[in-house]
Amino acid sequence: MLKLLITRPIAEPVLDQARTLFDVTIHDGGALSSQDCALALAKYDAILPTLGDEFSAAAFAGDMRCKILGNFGVGYNHIDAKAAATAGVIVTNTPDVLTDATADVALTLLLATARRAGEGERMVRDGRWGGFGPKNLLGTHVTGKTLGIIGMGRIGQAIAARGHFGFGMDVVFHNRSPKQTEVPARQLGSLHDVMKAADFVVVATPGGAETTKLINSEALAQMKPSAIFINISRGEVVDEEALIDALEEGRIAGAGLDVYEKEPFVPPRLLALENCVLLPHLGSATVETRQAMGQMALDNIIAWSEDRDPPQRVN
């Protein structure tokens, strides 16, 4: 029986199916280091990894028993896919199934930051609320404002649909290539053009070398002082220090973040900010979505084990 490593506990129905087909080991000790990954690649026929597991080029330099990484997640920037291909290891991901859940979290952050919900919730819990006041915790209107989206893939378009149809927002976007959208939206000439035009900027790009620190101090400097910044993509897409500086100095009004540069570490300066809503990487965190992600990752591994080409192959 083929040996399968699952690097985090996933939905029980998916685990039950996996156990009928493979000799399954479940790792529940947190993210795998590059050295852990190298050992796993030498020991198992297939691995179902996820964000945080360091499948770097160095991990693929040793003995190689593993033939497939069925990644749990649409993003796979924690895997050196080129090194994997050179080593004869297939890499797959889980697109589509988490689009709506992640778009919902983008809107959650947008609304919570605009309406200062994080501050208000802390005030109530701390017993600091003194009752209704006409000028208490005044936020900013969302309906009818301009929504700027950075990265108009599946998730970006789902965010655009929610903004346009749900809140009557004017949608502008930046994408690396020309993009036709079903939702009324205008592709502007550059990233900076979108940052200037938007009242709310939502980053929905993939991670990886091409987008690392895409949102830097120069990009943030284009934003209106009244604008709000949202990131639901990958932490490394944003220069975290530059964002903190902009928030501390009041150069932008606020930020809503679901991802961080060095997860799970969140800088103390960021934690201290009242004008920032912080979530613990909840983008795909619904029961339905996480089960669907696990099932898709396992289905790719099953396809490989049956000598079929995995449908979500990325290398």
C-alpha atoms as a PDB file:
ATOM      1  CA  MET A   1       0.000   0.000   0.000  1.00  0.00           C
ATOM      2  CA  LEU A   2       1.351   3.445  -0.929  1.00  0.00           C
ATOM      3  CA  LYS A   3       2.466   5.607   1.981  1.00  0.00           C
ATOM      4  CA  LEU A   4       0.757   9.003   2.274  1.00  0.00           C
ATOM      5  CA  LEU A   5       1.765  11.807   4.653  1.00  0.00           C
ATOM      6  CA  ILE A   6      -0.869  14.430   5.504  1.00  0.00           C
ATOM      7  CA  THR A   7       0.931  17.337   7.151  1.00  0.00           C
ATOM      8  CA  ARG A   8      -2.061  18.693   9.151  1.00  0.00           C
ATOM      9  CA  PRO A   9      -5.288  17.079  10.361  1.00  0.00           C
ATOM     10  CA  ILE A  10      -8.030  17.693   7.743  1.00  0.00           C
ATOM     11  CA  ALA A  11     -11.764  16.888   7.482  1.00  0.00           C
ATOM     12  CA  GLU A  12     -12.635  13.440   8.857  1.00  0.00           C
ATOM     13  CA  PRO A  13     -14.600  12.247   5.789  1.00  0.00           C
ATOM     14  CA  VAL A  14     -11.541  12.941   3.641  1.00  0.00           C
ATOM     15  CA  LEU A  15      -9.251  11.199   6.124  1.00  0.00           C
ATOM     16  CA  ASP A  16     -11.579   8.194   6.227  1.00  0.00           C
ATOM     17  CA  GLN A  17     -11.397   7.830   2.446  1.00  0.00           C
ATOM     18  CA  ALA A  18      -7.630   8.305   2.436  1.00  0.00           C
ATOM     19  CA  ARG A  19      -7.194   5.519   4.988  1.00  0.00           C
ATOM     20  CA  THR A  20      -9.057   3.056   2.768  1.00  0.00           C
ATOM     21  CA  LEU A  21      -6.641   3.706  -0.114  1.00  0.00           C
ATOM     22  CA  PHE A  22      -3.281   4.512   1.468  1.00  0.00           C
ATOM     23  CA  ASP A  23      -1.089   3.837   4.477  1.00  0.00           C
ATOM     24  CA  VAL A  24      -1.746   7.241   6.072  1.00  0.00           C
ATOM     25  CA  THR A  25       0.410   9.169   8.520  1.00  0.00           C
ATOM     26  CA  ILE A  26      -0.953  12.446   9.912  1.00  0.00           C
ATOM     27  CA  HIS A  27       1.530  15.010  11.174  1.00  0.00           C
ATOM     28  CA  ASP A  28       0.026  17.272  13.827  1.00  0.00           C
ATOM     29  CA  GLY A  29       3.164  19.046  15.056  1.00  0.00           C
ATOM     30  CA  GLY A  30       2.827  22.218  12.996  1.00  0.00           C
ATOM     31  CA  ALA A  31       4.548  23.316   9.802  1.00  0.00           C
ATOM     32  CA  LEU A  32       7.370  21.219   8.381  1.00  0.00           C
ATOM     33  CA  SER A  33      10.826  22.790   8.106  1.00  0.00           C
ATOM     34  CA  SER A  34      12.852  22.362   4.926  1.00  0.00           C
ATOM     35  CA  GLN A  35      14.782  19.552   6.634  1.00  0.00           C
ATOM     36  CA  ASP A  36      11.505  17.885   7.707  1.00  0.00           C
ATOM     37  CA  CYS A  37      10.287  18.132   4.119  1.00  0.00           C
ATOM     38  CA  ALA A  38      13.447  16.503   2.785  1.00  0.00           C
ATOM     39  CA  LEU A  39      13.008  13.591   5.190  1.00  0.00           C
ATOM     40  CA  ALA A  40       9.338  13.253   4.227  1.00  0.00           C
ATOM     41  CA  LEU A  41      10.163  13.249   0.506  1.00  0.00           C
ATOM     42  CA  ALA A  42      12.529  10.336   1.098  1.00  0.00           C
ATOM     43  CA  LYS A  43      10.052   8.366   3.235  1.00  0.00           C
ATOM     44  CA  TYR A  44       6.593   8.720   1.642  1.00  0.00           C
ATOM     45  CA  ASP A  45       5.163   7.981  -1.813  1.00  0.00           C
ATOM     46  CA  ALA A  46       2.787  10.961  -1.680  1.00  0.00           C
ATOM     47  CA  ILE A  47       2.387  14.006   0.552  1.00  0.00           C
ATOM     48  CA  LEU A  48      -0.625  16.234   1.177  1.00  0.00           C
ATOM     49  CA  PRO A  49       1.025  19.468   2.448  1.00  0.00           C
ATOM     50  CA  THR A  50      -0.246  22.975   3.085  1.00  0.00           C
ATOM     51  CA  LEU A  51       0.847  26.570   3.690  1.00  0.00           C
ATOM     52  CA  GLY A  52       3.907  26.836   5.917  1.00  0.00           C
ATOM     53  CA  ASP A  53       5.519  23.542   4.930  1.00  0.00           C
ATOM     54  CA  GLU A  54       8.917  24.531   3.491  1.00  0.00           C
ATOM     55  CA  PHE A  55       9.302  22.511   0.311  1.00  0.00           C
ATOM     56  CA  SER A  56      12.262  24.616  -0.795  1.00  0.00           C
ATOM     57  CA  ALA A  57      14.763  23.723  -3.500  1.00  0.00           C
ATOM     58  CA  ALA A  58      17.020  22.287  -0.776  1.00  0.00           C
ATOM     59  CA  ALA A  59      14.272  19.864   0.269  1.00  0.00           C
ATOM     60  CA  PHE A  60      14.345  18.274  -3.194  1.00  0.00           C
ATOM     61  CA  ALA A  61      18.128  17.819  -3.268  1.00  0.00           C
ATOM     62  CA  GLY A  62      18.266  14.466  -1.484  1.00  0.00           C
ATOM     63  CA  ASP A  63      16.777  10.989  -1.909  1.00  0.00           C
ATOM     64  CA  MET A  64      13.351  11.095  -3.514  1.00  0.00           C
ATOM     65  CA  ARG A  65      10.677   8.474  -2.925  1.00  0.00           C
ATOM     66  CA  CYS A  66       7.756  10.893  -3.174  1.00  0.00           C
ATOM     67  CA  LYS A  67       6.134  11.407  -6.583  1.00  0.00           C
ATOM     68  CA  ILE A  68       3.347  13.904  -5.806  1.00  0.00           C
ATOM     69  CA  LEU A  69       2.585  16.834  -3.531  1.00  0.00           C
ATOM     70  CA  GLY A  70      -1.200  17.224  -3.449  1.00  0.00           C
ATOM     71  CA  ASN A  71      -1.208  20.699  -1.923  1.00  0.00           C
ATOM     72  CA  PHE A  72      -4.076  21.765   0.346  1.00  0.00           C
ATOM     73  CA  GLY A  73      -4.651  25.323  -0.888  1.00  0.00           C
ATOM     74  CA  VAL A  74      -4.753  27.295  -4.102  1.00  0.00           C
ATOM     75  CA  GLY A  75      -1.478  29.055  -3.274  1.00  0.00           C
ATOM     76  CA  TYR A  76       1.654  26.946  -3.501  1.00  0.00           C
ATOM     77  CA  ASN A  77       4.428  29.512  -3.062  1.00  0.00           C
ATOM     78  CA  HIS A  78       5.726  27.424  -0.111  1.00  0.00           C
ATOM     79  CA  ILE A  79       6.674  24.777  -2.700  1.00  0.00           C
ATOM     80  CA  ASP A  80       9.498  25.261  -5.195  1.00  0.00           C
ATOM     81  CA  ALA A  81       7.506  23.838  -8.098  1.00  0.00           C
ATOM     82  CA  LYS A  82      10.453  24.065 -10.512  1.00  0.00           C
ATOM     83  CA  ALA A  83      12.733  22.102  -8.156  1.00  0.00           C
ATOM     84  CA  ALA A  84       9.932  19.597  -7.633  1.00  0.00           C
ATOM     85  CA  ALA A  85       9.558  19.078 -11.381  1.00  0.00           C
ATOM     86  CA  THR A  86      13.315  18.595 -11.765  1.00  0.00           C
ATOM     87  CA  ALA A  87      13.153  15.951  -9.028  1.00  0.00           C
ATOM     88  CA  GLY A  88      10.220  14.227 -10.769  1.00  0.00           C
ATOM     89  CA  VAL A  89       7.618  15.307  -8.210  1.00  0.00           C
ATOM     90  CA  ILE A  90       4.171  16.434  -9.397  1.00  0.00           C
ATOM     91  CA  VAL A  91       2.612  19.439  -7.629  1.00  0.00           C
ATOM     92  CA  THR A  92      -1.146  20.077  -7.561  1.00  0.00           C
ATOM     93  CA  ASN A  93      -3.330  22.685  -5.852  1.00  0.00           C
ATOM     94  CA  THR A  94      -6.994  23.322  -5.019  1.00  0.00           C
ATOM     95  CA  PRO A  95      -8.381  26.207  -7.132  1.00  0.00           C
ATOM     96  CA  ASP A  96     -12.032  27.290  -7.388  1.00  0.00           C
ATOM     97  CA  VAL A  97     -13.338  25.661  -4.198  1.00  0.00           C
ATOM     98  CA  LEU A  98     -12.189  28.483  -1.913  1.00  0.00           C
ATOM     99  CA  THR A  99     -13.092  31.447  -4.148  1.00  0.00           C
ATOM    100  CA  ASP A 100     -16.349  32.438  -2.462  1.00  0.00           C
ATOM    101  CA  ALA A 101     -15.143  31.885   1.093  1.00  0.00           C
ATOM    102  CA  THR A 102     -12.056  34.034   0.509  1.00  0.00           C
ATOM    103  CA  ALA A 103     -14.041  36.772  -1.231  1.00  0.00           C
ATOM    104  CA  ASP A 104     -16.431  36.811   1.736  1.00  0.00           C
ATOM    105  CA  VAL A 105     -13.505  37.393   4.114  1.00  0.00           C
ATOM    106  CA  ALA A 106     -12.311  40.296   1.956  1.00  0.00           C
ATOM    107  CA  LEU A 107     -15.705  41.954   2.372  1.00  0.00           C
ATOM    108  CA  THR A 108     -15.720  41.087   6.084  1.00  0.00           C
ATOM    109  CA  LEU A 109     -12.440  42.958   6.515  1.00  0.00           C
ATOM    110  CA  LEU A 110     -13.550  45.841   4.312  1.00  0.00           C
ATOM    111  CA  LEU A 111     -16.753  46.410   6.245  1.00  0.00           C
ATOM    112  CA  ALA A 112     -15.198  45.819   9.664  1.00  0.00           C
ATOM    113  CA  THR A 113     -12.405  48.309   8.991  1.00  0.00           C
ATOM    114  CA  ALA A 114     -14.663  50.916   7.382  1.00  0.00           C
ATOM    115  CA  ARG A 115     -17.126  50.786  10.272  1.00  0.00           C
ATOM    116  CA  ARG A 116     -14.450  50.419  12.986  1.00  0.00           C
ATOM    117  CA  ALA A 117     -16.031  47.187  14.164  1.00  0.00           C
ATOM    118  CA  GLY A 118     -12.814  45.865  15.708  1.00  0.00           C
ATOM    119  CA  GLU A 119     -12.452  48.962  17.882  1.00  0.00           C
ATOM    120  CA  GLY A 120     -16.114  48.830  18.838  1.00  0.00           C
ATOM    121  CA  GLU A 121     -16.016  45.150  19.760  1.00  0.00           C
ATOM    122  CA  ARG A 122     -12.959  45.688  21.971  1.00  0.00           C
ATOM    123  CA  MET A 123     -14.637  48.676  23.608  1.00  0.00           C
ATOM    124  CA  VAL A 124     -17.731  46.648  24.528  1.00  0.00           C
ATOM    125  CA  ARG A 125     -15.720  43.663  25.813  1.00  0.00           C
ATOM    126  CA  ASP A 126     -13.452  45.920  27.885  1.00  0.00           C
ATOM    127  CA  GLY A 127     -16.401  47.680  29.511  1.00  0.00           C
ATOM    128  CA  ARG A 128     -15.376  51.043  28.021  1.00  0.00           C
ATOM    129  CA  TRP A 129     -18.611  51.708  26.130  1.00  0.00           C
ATOM    130  CA  GLY A 130     -20.542  54.572  27.680  1.00  0.00           C
ATOM    131  CA  GLY A 131     -23.640  54.323  25.515  1.00  0.00           C
ATOM    132  CA  PHE A 132     -24.747  55.887  22.241  1.00  0.00           C
ATOM    133  CA  GLY A 133     -23.115  59.152  21.219  1.00  0.00           C
ATOM    134  CA  PRO A 134     -23.597  61.062  17.947  1.00  0.00           C
ATOM    135  CA  LYS A 135     -19.836  61.222  17.323  1.00  0.00           C
ATOM    136  CA  ASN A 136     -18.742  57.861  18.722  1.00  0.00           C
ATOM    137  CA  LEU A 137     -16.552  55.680  16.455  1.00  0.00           C
ATOM    138  CA  LEU A 138     -17.508  57.395  13.222  1.00  0.00           C
ATOM    139  CA  GLY A 139     -16.446  55.242  10.293  1.00  0.00           C
ATOM    140  CA  THR A 140     -16.728  55.656   6.558  1.00  0.00           C
ATOM    141  CA  HIS A 141     -19.510  54.817   4.124  1.00  0.00           C
ATOM    142  CA  VAL A 142     -18.985  51.822   1.826  1.00  0.00           C
ATOM    143  CA  THR A 143     -21.919  51.990  -0.580  1.00  0.00           C
ATOM    144  CA  GLY A 144     -21.136  53.847  -3.789  1.00  0.00           C
ATOM    145  CA  LYS A 145     -17.404  54.174  -3.108  1.00  0.00           C
ATOM    146  CA  THR A 146     -14.583  53.098  -5.448  1.00  0.00           C
ATOM    147  CA  LEU A 147     -13.220  49.597  -4.965  1.00  0.00           C
ATOM    148  CA  GLY A 148      -9.722  48.923  -6.306  1.00  0.00           C
ATOM    149  CA  ILE A 149      -8.714  45.303  -6.776  1.00  0.00           C
ATOM    150  CA  ILE A 150      -5.117  44.199  -7.272  1.00  0.00           C
ATOM    151  CA  GLY A 151      -5.201  40.841  -9.086  1.00  0.00           C
ATOM    152  CA  MET A 152      -8.356  40.042 -11.076  1.00  0.00           C
ATOM    153  CA  GLY A 153      -8.325  36.262 -10.978  1.00  0.00           C
ATOM    154  CA  ARG A 154     -11.184  34.118  -9.674  1.00  0.00           C
ATOM    155  CA  ILE A 155     -11.090  35.618  -6.187  1.00  0.00           C
ATOM    156  CA  GLY A 156     -10.620  39.175  -7.449  1.00  0.00           C
ATOM    157  CA  GLN A 157     -13.655  38.846  -9.697  1.00  0.00           C
ATOM    158  CA  ALA A 158     -15.740  37.382  -6.855  1.00  0.00           C
ATOM    159  CA  ILE A 159     -14.783  40.382  -4.697  1.00  0.00           C
ATOM    160  CA  ALA A 160     -15.694  42.726  -7.571  1.00  0.00           C
ATOM    161  CA  ALA A 161     -19.127  41.106  -7.884  1.00  0.00           C
ATOM    162  CA  ARG A 162     -19.807  41.553  -4.172  1.00  0.00           C
ATOM    163  CA  GLY A 163     -18.676  45.163  -4.247  1.00  0.00           C
ATOM    164  CA  HIS A 164     -20.577  46.118  -7.399  1.00  0.00           C
ATOM    165  CA  PHE A 165     -23.832  44.233  -6.952  1.00  0.00           C
ATOM    166  CA  GLY A 166     -23.942  44.318  -3.146  1.00  0.00           C
ATOM    167  CA  PHE A 167     -22.803  47.873  -2.471  1.00  0.00           C
ATOM    168  CA  GLY A 168     -23.058  49.714  -5.773  1.00  0.00           C
ATOM    169  CA  MET A 169     -19.296  50.261  -5.842  1.00  0.00           C
ATOM    170  CA  ASP A 170     -17.386  51.517  -8.844  1.00  0.00           C
ATOM    171  CA  VAL A 171     -14.753  48.814  -9.496  1.00  0.00           C
ATOM    172  CA  VAL A 172     -11.295  49.507 -10.902  1.00  0.00           C
ATOM    173  CA  PHE A 173      -8.475  46.998 -11.042  1.00  0.00           C
ATOM    174  CA  HIS A 174      -4.862  46.196 -11.834  1.00  0.00           C
ATOM    175  CA  ASN A 175      -3.879  42.901 -13.416  1.00  0.00           C
ATOM    176  CA  ARG A 176      -0.600  41.722 -14.931  1.00  0.00           C
ATOM    177  CA  SER A 177      -2.339  40.946 -18.238  1.00  0.00           C
ATOM    178  CA  PRO A 178      -5.462  42.341 -19.939  1.00  0.00           C
ATOM    179  CA  LYS A 179      -8.599  40.884 -18.378  1.00  0.00           C
ATOM    180  CA  GLN A 180     -12.229  40.818 -19.479  1.00  0.00           C
ATOM    181  CA  THR A 181     -14.658  40.684 -16.550  1.00  0.00           C
ATOM    182  CA  GLU A 182     -18.327  39.764 -16.258  1.00  0.00           C
ATOM    183  CA  VAL A 183     -18.777  42.414 -13.573  1.00  0.00           C
ATOM    184  CA  PRO A 184     -18.651  46.051 -14.740  1.00  0.00           C
ATOM    185  CA  ALA A 185     -15.051  47.037 -13.933  1.00  0.00           C
ATOM    186  CA  ARG A 186     -12.313  49.181 -15.459  1.00  0.00           C
ATOM    187  CA  GLN A 187      -8.736  47.973 -15.839  1.00  0.00           C
ATOM    188  CA  LEU A 188      -6.453  50.947 -15.199  1.00  0.00           C
ATOM    189  CA  GLY A 189      -3.018  51.468 -16.687  1.00  0.00           C
ATOM    190  CA  SER A 190      -0.914  50.688 -13.628  1.00  0.00           C
ATOM    191  CA  LEU A 191      -0.883  49.549 -10.025  1.00  0.00           C
ATOM    192  CA  HIS A 192      -0.331  53.119  -8.892  1.00  0.00           C
ATOM    193  CA  ASP A 193      -3.352  54.311 -10.889  1.00  0.00           C
ATOM    194  CA  VAL A 194      -5.571  51.898  -8.950  1.00  0.00           C
ATOM    195  CA  MET A 195      -4.019  52.852  -5.608  1.00  0.00           C
ATOM    196  CA  LYS A 196      -4.734  56.533  -6.366  1.00  0.00           C
ATOM    197  CA  ALA A 197      -8.313  56.038  -7.541  1.00  0.00           C
ATOM    198  CA  ALA A 198      -9.657  53.681  -4.887  1.00  0.00           C
ATOM    199  CA  ASP A 199     -11.356  54.349  -1.586  1.00  0.00           C
ATOM    200  CA  PHE A 200     -10.775  50.690  -0.713  1.00  0.00           C
ATOM    201  CA  VAL A 201      -7.830  48.679  -2.086  1.00  0.00           C
ATOM    202  CA  VAL A 202      -8.106  44.888  -1.910  1.00  0.00           C
ATOM    203  CA  VAL A 203      -5.076  42.754  -2.776  1.00  0.00           C
ATOM    204  CA  ALA A 204      -5.983  39.362  -4.282  1.00  0.00           C
ATOM    205  CA  THR A 205      -2.842  38.381  -6.193  1.00  0.00           C
ATOM    206  CA  PRO A 206      -1.049  35.023  -5.952  1.00  0.00           C
ATOM    207  CA  GLY A 207       2.076  34.855  -3.822  1.00  0.00           C
ATOM    208  CA  GLY A 208       5.542  34.082  -5.158  1.00  0.00           C
ATOM    209  CA  ALA A 209       8.642  35.888  -6.364  1.00  0.00           C
ATOM    210  CA  GLU A 210       6.784  37.991  -8.965  1.00  0.00           C
ATOM    211  CA  THR A 211       4.521  39.607  -6.368  1.00  0.00           C
ATOM    212  CA  THR A 212       6.795  39.782  -3.307  1.00  0.00           C
ATOM    213  CA  LYS A 213       6.526  43.304  -1.828  1.00  0.00           C
ATOM    214  CA  LEU A 214       4.398  44.374  -4.782  1.00  0.00           C
ATOM    215  CA  ILE A 215       2.691  46.716  -2.323  1.00  0.00           C
ATOM    216  CA  ASN A 216       5.648  48.798  -1.164  1.00  0.00           C
ATOM    217  CA  SER A 217       6.058  52.273   0.287  1.00  0.00           C
ATOM    218  CA  GLU A 218       5.760  53.872  -3.171  1.00  0.00           C
ATOM    219  CA  ALA A 219       2.473  52.100  -3.878  1.00  0.00           C
ATOM    220  CA  LEU A 220       1.044  52.923  -0.450  1.00  0.00           C
ATOM    221  CA  ALA A 221       2.041  56.574  -0.926  1.00  0.00           C
ATOM    222  CA  GLN A 222      -0.432  56.782  -3.832  1.00  0.00           C
ATOM    223  CA  MET A 223      -3.429  56.060  -1.595  1.00  0.00           C
ATOM    224  CA  LYS A 224      -5.804  58.726  -0.334  1.00  0.00           C
ATOM    225  CA  PRO A 225      -5.497  59.604   3.378  1.00  0.00           C
ATOM    226  CA  SER A 226      -9.114  58.449   3.716  1.00  0.00           C
ATOM    227  CA  ALA A 227      -8.518  55.114   1.948  1.00  0.00           C
ATOM    228  CA  ILE A 228      -8.519  51.645   3.493  1.00  0.00           C
ATOM    229  CA  PHE A 229      -6.190  48.782   2.550  1.00  0.00           C
ATOM    230  CA  ILE A 230      -7.211  45.082   2.618  1.00  0.00           C
ATOM    231  CA  ASN A 231      -4.960  42.051   2.066  1.00  0.00           C
ATOM    232  CA  ILE A 232      -6.345  38.525   1.659  1.00  0.00           C
ATOM    233  CA  SER A 233      -3.653  37.236  -0.716  1.00  0.00           C
ATOM    234  CA  ARG A 234      -0.273  36.377   0.844  1.00  0.00           C
ATOM    235  CA  GLY A 235       1.617  38.268   3.507  1.00  0.00           C
ATOM    236  CA  GLU A 236       4.799  38.640   1.491  1.00  0.00           C
ATOM    237  CA  VAL A 237       2.920  40.583  -1.214  1.00  0.00           C
ATOM    238  CA  VAL A 238       2.959  43.586   1.150  1.00  0.00           C
ATOM    239  CA  ASP A 239       5.954  45.369   2.649  1.00  0.00           C
ATOM    240  CA  GLU A 240       4.662  45.028   6.197  1.00  0.00           C
ATOM    241  CA  GLU A 241       6.981  47.691   7.669  1.00  0.00           C
ATOM    242  CA  ALA A 242       5.901  50.207   5.028  1.00  0.00           C
ATOM    243  CA  LEU A 243       2.234  49.473   5.735  1.00  0.00           C
ATOM    244  CA  ILE A 244       2.724  49.905   9.490  1.00  0.00           C
ATOM    245  CA  ASP A 245       4.504  53.219   8.906  1.00  0.00           C
ATOM    246  CA  ALA A 246       1.604  54.450   6.744  1.00  0.00           C
ATOM    247  CA  LEU A 247      -0.941  53.441   9.395  1.00  0.00           C
ATOM    248  CA  GLU A 248       1.002  54.897  12.328  1.00  0.00           C
ATOM    249  CA  GLU A 249       1.525  58.187  10.518  1.00  0.00           C
ATOM    250  CA  GLY A 250      -2.111  58.456   9.409  1.00  0.00           C
ATOM    251  CA  ARG A 251      -1.205  58.451   5.715  1.00  0.00           C
ATOM    252  CA  ILE A 252      -4.036  55.942   5.142  1.00  0.00           C
ATOM    253  CA  ALA A 253      -7.163  55.535   7.239  1.00  0.00           C
ATOM    254  CA  GLY A 254      -6.965  51.859   8.087  1.00  0.00           C
ATOM    255  CA  ALA A 255      -6.203  48.295   7.074  1.00  0.00           C
ATOM    256  CA  GLY A 256      -7.785  44.866   7.282  1.00  0.00           C
ATOM    257  CA  LEU A 257      -5.401  41.910   7.137  1.00  0.00           C
ATOM    258  CA  ASP A 258      -5.943  38.161   6.978  1.00  0.00           C
ATOM    259  CA  VAL A 259      -2.336  37.288   6.097  1.00  0.00           C
ATOM    260  CA  TYR A 260       1.094  38.317   7.364  1.00  0.00           C
ATOM    261  CA  GLU A 261       4.669  38.346   6.135  1.00  0.00           C
ATOM    262  CA  LYS A 262       6.011  35.797   8.656  1.00  0.00           C
ATOM    263  CA  GLU A 263       2.957  33.860   9.817  1.00  0.00           C
ATOM    264  CA  PRO A 264       2.043  33.197  12.569  1.00  0.00           C
ATOM    265  CA  PHE A 265       4.189  36.105  13.812  1.00  0.00           C
ATOM    266  CA  VAL A 266       2.374  39.445  13.828  1.00  0.00           C
ATOM    267  CA  PRO A 267       4.580  42.487  14.561  1.00  0.00           C
ATOM    268  CA  PRO A 268       3.841  44.163  17.916  1.00  0.00           C
ATOM    269  CA  ARG A 269       3.565  47.531  16.129  1.00  0.00           C
ATOM    270  CA  LEU A 270       0.721  46.089  14.045  1.00  0.00           C
ATOM    271  CA  LEU A 271      -1.002  44.623  17.102  1.00  0.00           C
ATOM    272  CA  ALA A 272      -0.907  48.036  18.769  1.00  0.00           C
ATOM    273  CA  LEU A 273      -2.811  49.786  15.979  1.00  0.00           C
ATOM    274  CA  GLU A 274      -6.475  50.571  16.596  1.00  0.00           C
ATOM    275  CA  ASN A 275      -7.102  51.379  12.920  1.00  0.00           C
ATOM    276  CA  CYS A 276      -6.343  47.813  11.826  1.00  0.00           C
ATOM    277  CA  VAL A 277      -8.580  44.706  11.796  1.00  0.00           C
ATOM    278  CA  LEU A 278      -6.497  41.527  12.115  1.00  0.00           C
ATOM    279  CA  LEU A 279      -7.730  38.004  11.319  1.00  0.00           C
ATOM    280  CA  PRO A 280      -5.818  34.691  11.710  1.00  0.00           C
ATOM    281  CA  HIS A 281      -5.755  33.605   8.035  1.00  0.00           C
ATOM    282  CA  LEU A 282      -9.462  32.757   7.835  1.00  0.00           C
ATOM    283  CA  GLY A 283      -9.814  33.150   4.056  1.00  0.00           C
ATOM    284  CA  SER A 284     -10.957  29.594   3.335  1.00  0.00           C
ATOM    285  CA  ALA A 285     -12.081  28.767   6.871  1.00  0.00           C
ATOM    286  CA  THR A 286     -15.558  27.371   6.422  1.00  0.00           C
ATOM    287  CA  VAL A 287     -16.464  23.750   7.114  1.00  0.00           C
ATOM    288  CA  GLU A 288     -17.667  23.302   3.545  1.00  0.00           C
ATOM    289  CA  THR A 289     -14.643  24.905   1.915  1.00  0.00           C
ATOM    290  CA  ARG A 290     -11.984  23.162   3.983  1.00  0.00           C
ATOM    291  CA  GLN A 291     -13.611  19.772   3.331  1.00  0.00           C
ATOM    292  CA  ALA A 292     -13.779  20.540  -0.399  1.00  0.00           C
ATOM    293  CA  MET A 293     -10.114  21.566  -0.390  1.00  0.00           C
ATOM    294  CA  GLY A 294      -9.082  18.359   1.358  1.00  0.00           C
ATOM    295  CA  GLN A 295     -11.159  16.305  -1.056  1.00  0.00           C
ATOM    296  CA  MET A 296      -9.646  17.992  -4.110  1.00  0.00           C
ATOM    297  CA  ALA A 297      -6.114  17.540  -2.775  1.00  0.00           C
ATOM    298  CA  LEU A 298      -6.813  13.852  -2.110  1.00  0.00           C
ATOM    299  CA  ASP A 299      -8.518  13.392  -5.505  1.00  0.00           C
ATOM    300  CA  ASN A 300      -5.345  14.623  -7.204  1.00  0.00           C
ATOM    301  CA  ILE A 301      -3.285  12.091  -5.264  1.00  0.00           C
ATOM    302  CA  ILE A 302      -5.776   9.329  -6.086  1.00  0.00           C
ATOM    303  CA  ALA A 303      -5.579  10.203  -9.784  1.00  0.00           C
ATOM    304  CA  TRP A 304      -1.784   9.896  -9.663  1.00  0.00           C
ATOM    305  CA  SER A 305      -2.013   6.565  -7.816  1.00  0.00           C
ATOM    306  CA  GLU A 306      -4.273   5.253 -10.600  1.00  0.00           C
ATOM    307  CA  ASP A 307      -1.830   6.384 -13.323  1.00  0.00           C
ATOM    308  CA  ARG A 308      -4.070   9.268 -14.378  1.00  0.00           C
ATOM    309  CA  ASP A 309      -2.884  12.845 -14.799  1.00  0.00           C
ATOM    310  CA  PRO A 310      -3.963  14.826 -11.713  1.00  0.00           C
ATOM    311  CA  PRO A 311      -6.559  17.394 -12.845  1.00  0.00           C
ATOM    312  CA  GLN A 312      -5.158  20.328 -10.820  1.00  0.00           C
ATOM    313  CA  ARG A 313      -1.513  19.796 -11.756  1.00  0.00           C
ATOM    314  CA  VAL A 314       0.590  22.995 -11.694  1.00  0.00           C
ATOM    315  CA  ASN A 315       4.026  21.717 -12.848  1.00  0.00           C
END
